[in-house]
Amino acid sequence: MVATSVTAARQPWWMKLLWVLLVFATLVWIASRFVIVDSQQGRNQVSAAVTLRLLNEAQQRYAAGHASGFACQLQQLKPAGTGWEHPYGDESGYEYDPVEFIDLTTGEHSGYLFSISSCQADASGRIMQYTITTAPRERGKTGYWAFCTDQSRVIWIDHDGFATKCLLEHQNGFSPPPNT
């Protein structure tokens, strides 16, 4: 009969539990660091896309009320008075300003920089075309994607975060519009 030694050092059950909990807590902490960063960037990107849609609506309203056509500066989209009705018919009576959250001096909102450019007038001088771009203030930190749109109100995306690349892809038809 072969005798086996049971004298090997056995850890008490609570020590094993402590190690398992320590490893689990460390993994949860590491995972949460990535989720928090990505969720903030994700929220910034969603906010940028929604703001771009609101700016398109503001452009349509501006052009309808001004003989000059579309606005060529963000400051022009600031409505006179107390605000506008909610575009989706909010019955609470809430009035909103589509550019109220954008810093009109820097064009910044939620870590993204917004700008209006490429305004083109028709023969009568009425602005009929524009582009609006937004890109992360710090690519990779405040967001990953850049967005662009024009008077067609289609929002285009560049997954590398460059507004100029978004415009080029849009003009050349390389990047399909996202599902909006």
N, C-alpha and C. Protein backbone atom coordinates (compact mmCIF):
# COMPACT_ATOMS: atom_id res chain seq x y z
N MET A 1 0.82 -1.17 0.00
CA MET A 1 0.00 0.00 0.00
C MET A 1 0.87 1.24 0.00
N VAL A 2 0.52 2.16 -0.88
CA VAL A 2 1.32 3.37 -0.98
C VAL A 2 0.65 4.43 -0.12
N ALA A 3 1.41 4.98 0.74
CA ALA A 3 0.88 6.03 1.61
C ALA A 3 1.09 7.38 0.94
N THR A 4 0.06 8.16 0.93
CA THR A 4 0.17 9.50 0.39
C THR A 4 0.20 10.49 1.54
N SER A 5 0.92 11.50 1.33
CA SER A 5 1.07 12.49 2.38
C SER A 5 -0.01 13.55 2.26
N VAL A 6 -0.70 13.79 3.29
CA VAL A 6 -1.72 14.81 3.33
C VAL A 6 -1.20 16.03 4.07
N THR A 7 0.07 16.07 4.17
CA THR A 7 0.68 17.15 4.94
C THR A 7 0.91 18.41 4.12
N ALA A 8 0.50 18.38 2.85
CA ALA A 8 0.65 19.58 2.02
C ALA A 8 -0.12 20.72 2.65
N ALA A 9 0.41 21.88 2.52
CA ALA A 9 -0.21 23.06 3.14
C ALA A 9 -1.55 23.34 2.50
N ARG A 10 -2.58 23.26 3.29
CA ARG A 10 -3.93 23.55 2.81
C ARG A 10 -4.34 24.89 3.37
N GLN A 11 -4.88 25.73 2.47
CA GLN A 11 -5.34 27.03 2.93
C GLN A 11 -6.74 26.88 3.51
N PRO A 12 -7.01 27.66 4.52
CA PRO A 12 -8.37 27.62 5.05
C PRO A 12 -9.35 28.14 3.99
N TRP A 13 -10.60 27.76 4.08
CA TRP A 13 -11.62 28.13 3.09
C TRP A 13 -11.77 29.63 2.96
N TRP A 14 -11.65 30.36 4.03
CA TRP A 14 -11.82 31.80 3.98
C TRP A 14 -10.69 32.48 3.22
N MET A 15 -9.49 31.88 3.24
CA MET A 15 -8.37 32.44 2.49
C MET A 15 -8.60 32.29 0.98
N LYS A 16 -9.12 31.12 0.59
CA LYS A 16 -9.45 30.92 -0.83
C LYS A 16 -10.54 31.89 -1.26
N LEU A 17 -11.55 32.06 -0.43
CA LEU A 17 -12.64 32.99 -0.73
C LEU A 17 -12.11 34.42 -0.85
N LEU A 18 -11.20 34.78 0.04
CA LEU A 18 -10.61 36.12 -0.01
C LEU A 18 -9.87 36.35 -1.33
N TRP A 19 -9.10 35.36 -1.78
CA TRP A 19 -8.38 35.50 -3.06
C TRP A 19 -9.35 35.60 -4.23
N VAL A 20 -10.39 34.79 -4.22
CA VAL A 20 -11.38 34.84 -5.31
C VAL A 20 -12.05 36.21 -5.34
N LEU A 21 -12.44 36.73 -4.18
CA LEU A 21 -13.08 38.05 -4.11
C LEU A 21 -12.13 39.16 -4.55
N LEU A 22 -10.87 39.06 -4.17
CA LEU A 22 -9.88 40.06 -4.56
C LEU A 22 -9.69 40.07 -6.08
N VAL A 23 -9.57 38.90 -6.68
CA VAL A 23 -9.42 38.82 -8.14
C VAL A 23 -10.67 39.34 -8.83
N PHE A 24 -11.84 38.95 -8.34
CA PHE A 24 -13.10 39.40 -8.92
C PHE A 24 -13.24 40.91 -8.83
N ALA A 25 -12.95 41.48 -7.66
CA ALA A 25 -13.05 42.94 -7.48
C ALA A 25 -12.09 43.68 -8.40
N THR A 26 -10.90 43.13 -8.57
CA THR A 26 -9.92 43.76 -9.46
C THR A 26 -10.42 43.74 -10.90
N LEU A 27 -10.95 42.61 -11.34
CA LEU A 27 -11.48 42.52 -12.71
C LEU A 27 -12.67 43.45 -12.92
N VAL A 28 -13.55 43.56 -11.94
CA VAL A 28 -14.69 44.47 -12.04
C VAL A 28 -14.19 45.91 -12.12
N TRP A 29 -13.20 46.27 -11.31
CA TRP A 29 -12.68 47.64 -11.34
C TRP A 29 -12.06 47.96 -12.69
N ILE A 30 -11.26 47.02 -13.22
CA ILE A 30 -10.63 47.25 -14.53
C ILE A 30 -11.69 47.39 -15.61
N ALA A 31 -12.68 46.51 -15.62
CA ALA A 31 -13.75 46.59 -16.63
C ALA A 31 -14.53 47.88 -16.50
N SER A 32 -14.79 48.33 -15.28
CA SER A 32 -15.56 49.56 -15.09
C SER A 32 -14.82 50.78 -15.62
N ARG A 33 -13.51 50.78 -15.54
CA ARG A 33 -12.73 51.90 -16.07
C ARG A 33 -12.94 52.03 -17.57
N PHE A 34 -12.98 50.91 -18.28
CA PHE A 34 -13.19 50.95 -19.72
C PHE A 34 -14.63 51.33 -20.05
N VAL A 35 -15.58 50.82 -19.32
CA VAL A 35 -16.99 51.11 -19.58
C VAL A 35 -17.28 52.58 -19.33
N ILE A 36 -16.75 53.13 -18.25
CA ILE A 36 -17.00 54.54 -17.94
C ILE A 36 -16.44 55.43 -19.03
N VAL A 37 -15.22 55.16 -19.48
CA VAL A 37 -14.62 55.98 -20.53
C VAL A 37 -15.44 55.85 -21.82
N ASP A 38 -15.73 54.61 -22.22
CA ASP A 38 -16.46 54.41 -23.47
C ASP A 38 -17.87 54.96 -23.38
N SER A 39 -18.53 54.84 -22.24
CA SER A 39 -19.89 55.34 -22.15
C SER A 39 -19.92 56.86 -22.21
N GLN A 40 -18.92 57.54 -21.65
CA GLN A 40 -18.88 59.00 -21.75
C GLN A 40 -18.66 59.42 -23.20
N GLN A 41 -17.75 58.75 -23.88
CA GLN A 41 -17.51 59.05 -25.29
C GLN A 41 -18.75 58.73 -26.11
N GLY A 42 -19.40 57.65 -25.77
CA GLY A 42 -20.64 57.29 -26.46
C GLY A 42 -21.73 58.32 -26.25
N ARG A 43 -21.86 58.80 -25.01
CA ARG A 43 -22.85 59.86 -24.74
C ARG A 43 -22.50 61.12 -25.50
N ASN A 44 -21.23 61.47 -25.57
CA ASN A 44 -20.81 62.65 -26.32
C ASN A 44 -21.17 62.50 -27.80
N GLN A 45 -20.92 61.31 -28.35
CA GLN A 45 -21.21 61.08 -29.77
C GLN A 45 -22.71 61.15 -30.05
N VAL A 46 -23.51 60.55 -29.19
CA VAL A 46 -24.96 60.62 -29.37
C VAL A 46 -25.42 62.07 -29.26
N SER A 47 -24.89 62.79 -28.29
CA SER A 47 -25.26 64.20 -28.12
C SER A 47 -24.88 65.01 -29.36
N ALA A 48 -23.72 64.72 -29.93
CA ALA A 48 -23.28 65.44 -31.13
C ALA A 48 -24.22 65.17 -32.31
N ALA A 49 -24.59 63.91 -32.49
CA ALA A 49 -25.49 63.56 -33.60
C ALA A 49 -26.86 64.20 -33.41
N VAL A 50 -27.38 64.18 -32.19
CA VAL A 50 -28.68 64.79 -31.92
C VAL A 50 -28.61 66.30 -32.12
N THR A 51 -27.53 66.92 -31.65
CA THR A 51 -27.37 68.36 -31.82
C THR A 51 -27.28 68.71 -33.30
N LEU A 52 -26.62 67.88 -34.08
CA LEU A 52 -26.53 68.13 -35.52
C LEU A 52 -27.92 68.09 -36.14
N ARG A 53 -28.74 67.14 -35.71
CA ARG A 53 -30.12 67.07 -36.21
C ARG A 53 -30.90 68.32 -35.82
N LEU A 54 -30.72 68.77 -34.58
CA LEU A 54 -31.40 70.00 -34.14
C LEU A 54 -30.91 71.22 -34.91
N LEU A 55 -29.63 71.26 -35.23
CA LEU A 55 -29.10 72.38 -36.02
C LEU A 55 -29.69 72.36 -37.43
N ASN A 56 -29.89 71.18 -38.00
CA ASN A 56 -30.56 71.09 -39.30
C ASN A 56 -31.97 71.66 -39.22
N GLU A 57 -32.70 71.30 -38.16
CA GLU A 57 -34.05 71.85 -37.97
C GLU A 57 -33.99 73.37 -37.81
N ALA A 58 -33.01 73.84 -37.06
CA ALA A 58 -32.87 75.28 -36.87
C ALA A 58 -32.56 75.97 -38.20
N GLN A 59 -31.77 75.33 -39.05
CA GLN A 59 -31.46 75.89 -40.37
C GLN A 59 -32.74 76.00 -41.21
N GLN A 60 -33.57 74.98 -41.17
CA GLN A 60 -34.82 75.02 -41.93
C GLN A 60 -35.73 76.16 -41.45
N ARG A 61 -35.83 76.31 -40.15
CA ARG A 61 -36.65 77.39 -39.60
C ARG A 61 -36.06 78.76 -39.92
N TYR A 62 -34.74 78.85 -39.84
CA TYR A 62 -34.07 80.12 -40.13
C TYR A 62 -34.32 80.51 -41.59
N ALA A 63 -34.12 79.57 -42.50
CA ALA A 63 -34.30 79.86 -43.93
C ALA A 63 -35.74 80.24 -44.24
N ALA A 64 -36.69 79.62 -43.55
CA ALA A 64 -38.10 79.94 -43.79
C ALA A 64 -38.44 81.36 -43.33
N GLY A 65 -37.70 81.86 -42.35
CA GLY A 65 -38.00 83.18 -41.81
C GLY A 65 -37.08 84.30 -42.26
N HIS A 66 -36.11 84.00 -43.11
CA HIS A 66 -35.16 85.03 -43.55
C HIS A 66 -35.01 84.99 -45.07
N ALA A 67 -35.09 86.14 -45.66
CA ALA A 67 -34.95 86.23 -47.12
C ALA A 67 -33.54 85.86 -47.57
N SER A 68 -32.57 85.92 -46.66
CA SER A 68 -31.19 85.60 -47.01
C SER A 68 -30.93 84.11 -47.12
N GLY A 69 -31.89 83.27 -46.69
CA GLY A 69 -31.71 81.82 -46.79
C GLY A 69 -31.12 81.25 -45.51
N PHE A 70 -30.28 80.23 -45.67
CA PHE A 70 -29.69 79.54 -44.53
C PHE A 70 -28.68 80.42 -43.80
N ALA A 71 -28.45 80.08 -42.53
CA ALA A 71 -27.44 80.78 -41.71
C ALA A 71 -26.05 80.25 -42.05
N CYS A 72 -25.07 81.12 -41.97
CA CYS A 72 -23.69 80.72 -42.22
C CYS A 72 -22.84 80.78 -40.95
N GLN A 73 -23.45 81.13 -39.84
CA GLN A 73 -22.76 81.16 -38.54
C GLN A 73 -23.70 80.59 -37.48
N LEU A 74 -23.13 79.89 -36.52
CA LEU A 74 -23.95 79.32 -35.45
C LEU A 74 -24.73 80.40 -34.71
N GLN A 75 -24.12 81.56 -34.51
CA GLN A 75 -24.77 82.65 -33.77
C GLN A 75 -26.08 83.07 -34.43
N GLN A 76 -26.17 82.96 -35.75
CA GLN A 76 -27.38 83.35 -36.46
C GLN A 76 -28.56 82.44 -36.13
N LEU A 77 -28.29 81.23 -35.69
CA LEU A 77 -29.36 80.29 -35.40
C LEU A 77 -29.99 80.50 -34.03
N LYS A 78 -29.41 81.38 -33.24
CA LYS A 78 -29.96 81.70 -31.93
C LYS A 78 -31.28 82.43 -32.15
N PRO A 79 -32.40 81.85 -31.70
CA PRO A 79 -33.70 82.49 -31.95
C PRO A 79 -33.89 83.73 -31.09
N ALA A 80 -34.64 84.66 -31.63
CA ALA A 80 -35.00 85.85 -30.86
C ALA A 80 -36.11 85.47 -29.90
N GLY A 81 -36.17 86.11 -28.77
CA GLY A 81 -37.24 85.83 -27.82
C GLY A 81 -36.87 84.75 -26.84
N THR A 82 -37.88 84.05 -26.34
CA THR A 82 -37.66 83.10 -25.26
C THR A 82 -37.30 81.71 -25.74
N GLY A 83 -37.51 81.38 -26.98
CA GLY A 83 -37.20 80.05 -27.48
C GLY A 83 -38.21 79.60 -28.51
N TRP A 84 -38.12 78.37 -28.89
CA TRP A 84 -39.01 77.81 -29.88
C TRP A 84 -39.81 76.68 -29.26
N GLU A 85 -40.89 76.29 -29.93
CA GLU A 85 -41.63 75.12 -29.48
C GLU A 85 -40.79 73.88 -29.73
N HIS A 86 -41.02 72.87 -28.92
CA HIS A 86 -40.31 71.62 -29.09
C HIS A 86 -40.67 71.02 -30.45
N PRO A 87 -39.70 70.54 -31.23
CA PRO A 87 -39.98 70.07 -32.59
C PRO A 87 -40.84 68.82 -32.62
N TYR A 88 -40.93 68.09 -31.53
CA TYR A 88 -41.71 66.86 -31.52
C TYR A 88 -43.05 67.05 -30.84
N GLY A 89 -43.47 68.30 -30.69
CA GLY A 89 -44.79 68.59 -30.15
C GLY A 89 -44.94 68.30 -28.67
N ASP A 90 -43.91 68.57 -27.91
CA ASP A 90 -43.98 68.35 -26.47
C ASP A 90 -45.12 69.17 -25.89
N GLU A 91 -46.07 68.52 -25.26
CA GLU A 91 -47.27 69.18 -24.78
C GLU A 91 -47.06 69.91 -23.46
N SER A 92 -45.88 69.79 -22.87
CA SER A 92 -45.64 70.43 -21.58
C SER A 92 -45.47 71.93 -21.72
N GLY A 93 -45.41 72.44 -22.93
CA GLY A 93 -45.22 73.86 -23.14
C GLY A 93 -43.75 74.27 -23.08
N TYR A 94 -42.87 73.28 -22.97
CA TYR A 94 -41.43 73.55 -22.91
C TYR A 94 -40.99 74.20 -24.21
N GLU A 95 -40.26 75.27 -24.09
CA GLU A 95 -39.69 75.90 -25.27
C GLU A 95 -38.19 75.67 -25.25
N TYR A 96 -37.61 75.47 -26.40
CA TYR A 96 -36.19 75.16 -26.43
C TYR A 96 -35.51 76.01 -27.48
N ASP A 97 -34.23 76.06 -27.33
CA ASP A 97 -33.37 76.77 -28.25
C ASP A 97 -32.37 75.72 -28.75
N PRO A 98 -32.34 75.42 -30.04
CA PRO A 98 -31.48 74.34 -30.54
C PRO A 98 -30.00 74.58 -30.34
N VAL A 99 -29.61 75.80 -30.11
CA VAL A 99 -28.19 76.07 -29.88
C VAL A 99 -27.90 76.54 -28.46
N GLU A 100 -28.87 76.36 -27.55
CA GLU A 100 -28.68 76.88 -26.20
C GLU A 100 -27.54 76.20 -25.47
N PHE A 101 -27.22 74.96 -25.82
CA PHE A 101 -26.16 74.26 -25.11
C PHE A 101 -24.81 74.36 -25.81
N ILE A 102 -24.78 74.97 -26.97
CA ILE A 102 -23.51 75.14 -27.70
C ILE A 102 -22.90 76.47 -27.28
N ASP A 103 -21.64 76.43 -26.92
CA ASP A 103 -20.92 77.66 -26.64
C ASP A 103 -20.70 78.36 -27.98
N LEU A 104 -21.43 79.44 -28.22
CA LEU A 104 -21.42 80.08 -29.54
C LEU A 104 -20.10 80.76 -29.86
N THR A 105 -19.25 81.00 -28.87
CA THR A 105 -17.95 81.61 -29.17
C THR A 105 -16.96 80.55 -29.66
N THR A 106 -17.05 79.33 -29.12
CA THR A 106 -16.11 78.28 -29.53
C THR A 106 -16.77 77.22 -30.40
N GLY A 107 -18.11 77.16 -30.39
CA GLY A 107 -18.82 76.12 -31.13
C GLY A 107 -18.75 74.77 -30.45
N GLU A 108 -18.48 74.74 -29.15
CA GLU A 108 -18.29 73.47 -28.44
C GLU A 108 -19.53 73.04 -27.67
N HIS A 109 -19.77 71.73 -27.71
CA HIS A 109 -20.85 71.12 -26.92
C HIS A 109 -20.50 69.66 -26.68
N SER A 110 -20.51 69.23 -25.45
CA SER A 110 -20.26 67.83 -25.06
C SER A 110 -18.97 67.28 -25.66
N GLY A 111 -17.92 68.07 -25.63
CA GLY A 111 -16.63 67.60 -26.13
C GLY A 111 -16.49 67.59 -27.63
N TYR A 112 -17.46 68.16 -28.34
CA TYR A 112 -17.43 68.23 -29.80
C TYR A 112 -17.42 69.68 -30.25
N LEU A 113 -16.76 69.94 -31.36
CA LEU A 113 -16.71 71.28 -31.94
C LEU A 113 -17.60 71.33 -33.19
N PHE A 114 -18.50 72.29 -33.22
CA PHE A 114 -19.46 72.44 -34.32
C PHE A 114 -19.08 73.66 -35.16
N SER A 115 -19.29 73.56 -36.47
CA SER A 115 -19.09 74.73 -37.32
C SER A 115 -19.96 74.62 -38.57
N ILE A 116 -20.32 75.79 -39.08
CA ILE A 116 -21.06 75.89 -40.34
C ILE A 116 -20.09 76.43 -41.39
N SER A 117 -20.08 75.84 -42.56
CA SER A 117 -19.18 76.30 -43.61
C SER A 117 -19.79 76.02 -44.98
N SER A 118 -19.04 76.35 -46.00
CA SER A 118 -19.41 76.08 -47.40
C SER A 118 -20.77 76.63 -47.79
N CYS A 119 -21.09 77.83 -47.29
CA CYS A 119 -22.35 78.45 -47.68
C CYS A 119 -22.25 78.91 -49.12
N GLN A 120 -23.27 78.57 -49.90
CA GLN A 120 -23.29 78.97 -51.31
C GLN A 120 -24.63 79.60 -51.62
N ALA A 121 -24.57 80.73 -52.29
CA ALA A 121 -25.78 81.47 -52.63
C ALA A 121 -26.17 81.21 -54.09
N ASP A 122 -27.47 81.39 -54.34
CA ASP A 122 -27.94 81.30 -55.72
C ASP A 122 -27.73 82.66 -56.39
N ALA A 123 -28.23 82.83 -57.59
CA ALA A 123 -28.02 84.07 -58.36
C ALA A 123 -28.61 85.29 -57.66
N SER A 124 -29.66 85.09 -56.87
CA SER A 124 -30.28 86.23 -56.17
C SER A 124 -29.60 86.56 -54.85
N GLY A 125 -28.59 85.77 -54.46
CA GLY A 125 -27.87 86.03 -53.21
C GLY A 125 -28.41 85.26 -52.01
N ARG A 126 -29.45 84.47 -52.21
CA ARG A 126 -30.03 83.67 -51.12
C ARG A 126 -29.14 82.44 -50.88
N ILE A 127 -28.75 82.23 -49.62
CA ILE A 127 -27.92 81.07 -49.26
C ILE A 127 -28.77 79.81 -49.39
N MET A 128 -28.37 78.94 -50.30
CA MET A 128 -29.14 77.73 -50.58
C MET A 128 -28.42 76.45 -50.14
N GLN A 129 -27.13 76.55 -49.84
CA GLN A 129 -26.36 75.37 -49.45
C GLN A 129 -25.48 75.71 -48.26
N TYR A 130 -25.30 74.72 -47.40
CA TYR A 130 -24.42 74.85 -46.25
C TYR A 130 -23.93 73.47 -45.86
N THR A 131 -22.88 73.42 -45.07
CA THR A 131 -22.47 72.18 -44.41
C THR A 131 -22.26 72.50 -42.93
N ILE A 132 -22.61 71.55 -42.10
CA ILE A 132 -22.33 71.64 -40.67
C ILE A 132 -21.49 70.42 -40.33
N THR A 133 -20.38 70.67 -39.64
CA THR A 133 -19.52 69.57 -39.22
C THR A 133 -19.35 69.62 -37.71
N THR A 134 -19.09 68.45 -37.16
CA THR A 134 -18.73 68.36 -35.75
C THR A 134 -17.75 67.22 -35.60
N ALA A 135 -16.73 67.47 -34.81
CA ALA A 135 -15.69 66.48 -34.55
C ALA A 135 -15.29 66.58 -33.08
N PRO A 136 -14.74 65.51 -32.54
CA PRO A 136 -14.33 65.56 -31.14
C PRO A 136 -13.26 66.62 -30.91
N ARG A 137 -13.39 67.34 -29.80
CA ARG A 137 -12.37 68.33 -29.43
C ARG A 137 -11.03 67.62 -29.26
N GLU A 138 -11.03 66.47 -28.58
CA GLU A 138 -9.84 65.66 -28.42
C GLU A 138 -10.18 64.25 -28.90
N ARG A 139 -9.81 63.99 -30.15
CA ARG A 139 -10.15 62.71 -30.76
C ARG A 139 -9.58 61.57 -29.92
N GLY A 140 -10.45 60.61 -29.60
CA GLY A 140 -10.07 59.48 -28.77
C GLY A 140 -10.35 59.70 -27.30
N LYS A 141 -10.54 60.96 -26.88
CA LYS A 141 -10.83 61.25 -25.48
C LYS A 141 -12.27 61.72 -25.29
N THR A 142 -12.69 62.70 -26.08
CA THR A 142 -14.07 63.21 -25.94
C THR A 142 -15.02 62.53 -26.91
N GLY A 143 -14.49 61.76 -27.82
CA GLY A 143 -15.31 61.03 -28.79
C GLY A 143 -14.42 60.45 -29.86
N TYR A 144 -14.99 59.55 -30.65
CA TYR A 144 -14.22 58.92 -31.72
C TYR A 144 -14.67 59.36 -33.10
N TRP A 145 -15.96 59.59 -33.30
CA TRP A 145 -16.50 59.82 -34.62
C TRP A 145 -16.72 61.29 -34.92
N ALA A 146 -16.63 61.64 -36.19
CA ALA A 146 -17.00 62.97 -36.67
C ALA A 146 -18.30 62.83 -37.47
N PHE A 147 -19.08 63.89 -37.47
CA PHE A 147 -20.34 63.89 -38.19
C PHE A 147 -20.40 65.11 -39.10
N CYS A 148 -21.11 64.99 -40.21
CA CYS A 148 -21.32 66.14 -41.08
C CYS A 148 -22.70 66.02 -41.72
N THR A 149 -23.20 67.16 -42.13
CA THR A 149 -24.51 67.21 -42.77
C THR A 149 -24.54 68.42 -43.69
N ASP A 150 -25.58 68.50 -44.48
CA ASP A 150 -25.79 69.66 -45.33
C ASP A 150 -27.28 69.93 -45.43
N GLN A 151 -27.68 70.74 -46.39
CA GLN A 151 -29.08 71.13 -46.53
C GLN A 151 -30.00 69.94 -46.83
N SER A 152 -29.45 68.81 -47.21
CA SER A 152 -30.27 67.61 -47.43
C SER A 152 -30.73 67.01 -46.10
N ARG A 153 -30.11 67.40 -45.03
CA ARG A 153 -30.39 66.97 -43.65
C ARG A 153 -30.00 65.52 -43.39
N VAL A 154 -29.25 64.92 -44.30
CA VAL A 154 -28.70 63.59 -44.06
C VAL A 154 -27.45 63.76 -43.22
N ILE A 155 -27.32 62.95 -42.18
CA ILE A 155 -26.14 63.02 -41.31
C ILE A 155 -25.18 61.92 -41.73
N TRP A 156 -23.95 62.32 -42.01
CA TRP A 156 -22.90 61.39 -42.43
C TRP A 156 -21.91 61.25 -41.28
N ILE A 157 -21.13 60.18 -41.32
CA ILE A 157 -20.24 59.86 -40.21
C ILE A 157 -18.86 59.47 -40.73
N ASP A 158 -17.83 59.87 -39.98
CA ASP A 158 -16.48 59.38 -40.23
C ASP A 158 -16.01 58.70 -38.96
N HIS A 159 -15.74 57.42 -39.06
CA HIS A 159 -15.36 56.63 -37.88
C HIS A 159 -13.97 56.96 -37.36
N ASP A 160 -13.18 57.70 -38.14
CA ASP A 160 -11.85 58.09 -37.68
C ASP A 160 -11.86 59.41 -36.92
N GLY A 161 -12.97 60.13 -36.95
CA GLY A 161 -13.09 61.35 -36.16
C GLY A 161 -12.63 62.63 -36.84
N PHE A 162 -12.54 62.64 -38.16
CA PHE A 162 -12.08 63.84 -38.87
C PHE A 162 -13.23 64.45 -39.66
N ALA A 163 -13.55 65.70 -39.37
CA ALA A 163 -14.66 66.38 -40.05
C ALA A 163 -14.37 66.53 -41.54
N THR A 164 -13.13 66.86 -41.89
CA THR A 164 -12.81 67.04 -43.31
C THR A 164 -12.95 65.73 -44.07
N LYS A 165 -12.56 64.64 -43.44
CA LYS A 165 -12.70 63.32 -44.08
C LYS A 165 -14.18 62.96 -44.23
N CYS A 166 -14.99 63.34 -43.25
CA CYS A 166 -16.43 63.10 -43.33
C CYS A 166 -17.01 63.82 -44.54
N LEU A 167 -16.61 65.08 -44.73
CA LEU A 167 -17.11 65.86 -45.87
C LEU A 167 -16.65 65.26 -47.20
N LEU A 168 -15.38 64.85 -47.27
CA LEU A 168 -14.88 64.26 -48.51
C LEU A 168 -15.59 62.95 -48.83
N GLU A 169 -15.79 62.12 -47.82
CA GLU A 169 -16.49 60.87 -48.06
C GLU A 169 -17.94 61.12 -48.48
N HIS A 170 -18.55 62.13 -47.87
CA HIS A 170 -19.93 62.49 -48.22
C HIS A 170 -19.98 62.98 -49.67
N GLN A 171 -19.07 63.87 -50.04
CA GLN A 171 -19.07 64.41 -51.40
C GLN A 171 -18.77 63.34 -52.44
N ASN A 172 -17.91 62.39 -52.10
CA ASN A 172 -17.54 61.34 -53.04
C ASN A 172 -18.44 60.12 -52.96
N GLY A 173 -19.36 60.11 -52.01
CA GLY A 173 -20.30 59.01 -51.89
C GLY A 173 -19.71 57.73 -51.33
N PHE A 174 -18.59 57.82 -50.58
CA PHE A 174 -17.95 56.62 -50.06
C PHE A 174 -18.59 56.11 -48.77
N SER A 175 -19.10 56.99 -47.97
CA SER A 175 -19.60 56.59 -46.66
C SER A 175 -21.13 56.63 -46.66
N PRO A 176 -21.78 55.50 -46.45
CA PRO A 176 -23.24 55.53 -46.41
C PRO A 176 -23.71 56.24 -45.14
N PRO A 177 -24.87 56.84 -45.19
CA PRO A 177 -25.38 57.52 -43.99
C PRO A 177 -25.70 56.50 -42.91
N PRO A 178 -25.51 56.90 -41.63
CA PRO A 178 -25.88 55.97 -40.56
C PRO A 178 -27.38 55.87 -40.46
N ASN A 179 -27.85 54.86 -39.76
CA ASN A 179 -29.29 54.73 -39.51
C ASN A 179 -29.69 55.78 -38.50
N THR A 180 -30.44 56.78 -38.94
CA THR A 180 -30.87 57.84 -38.02
C THR A 180 -32.37 57.89 -37.98
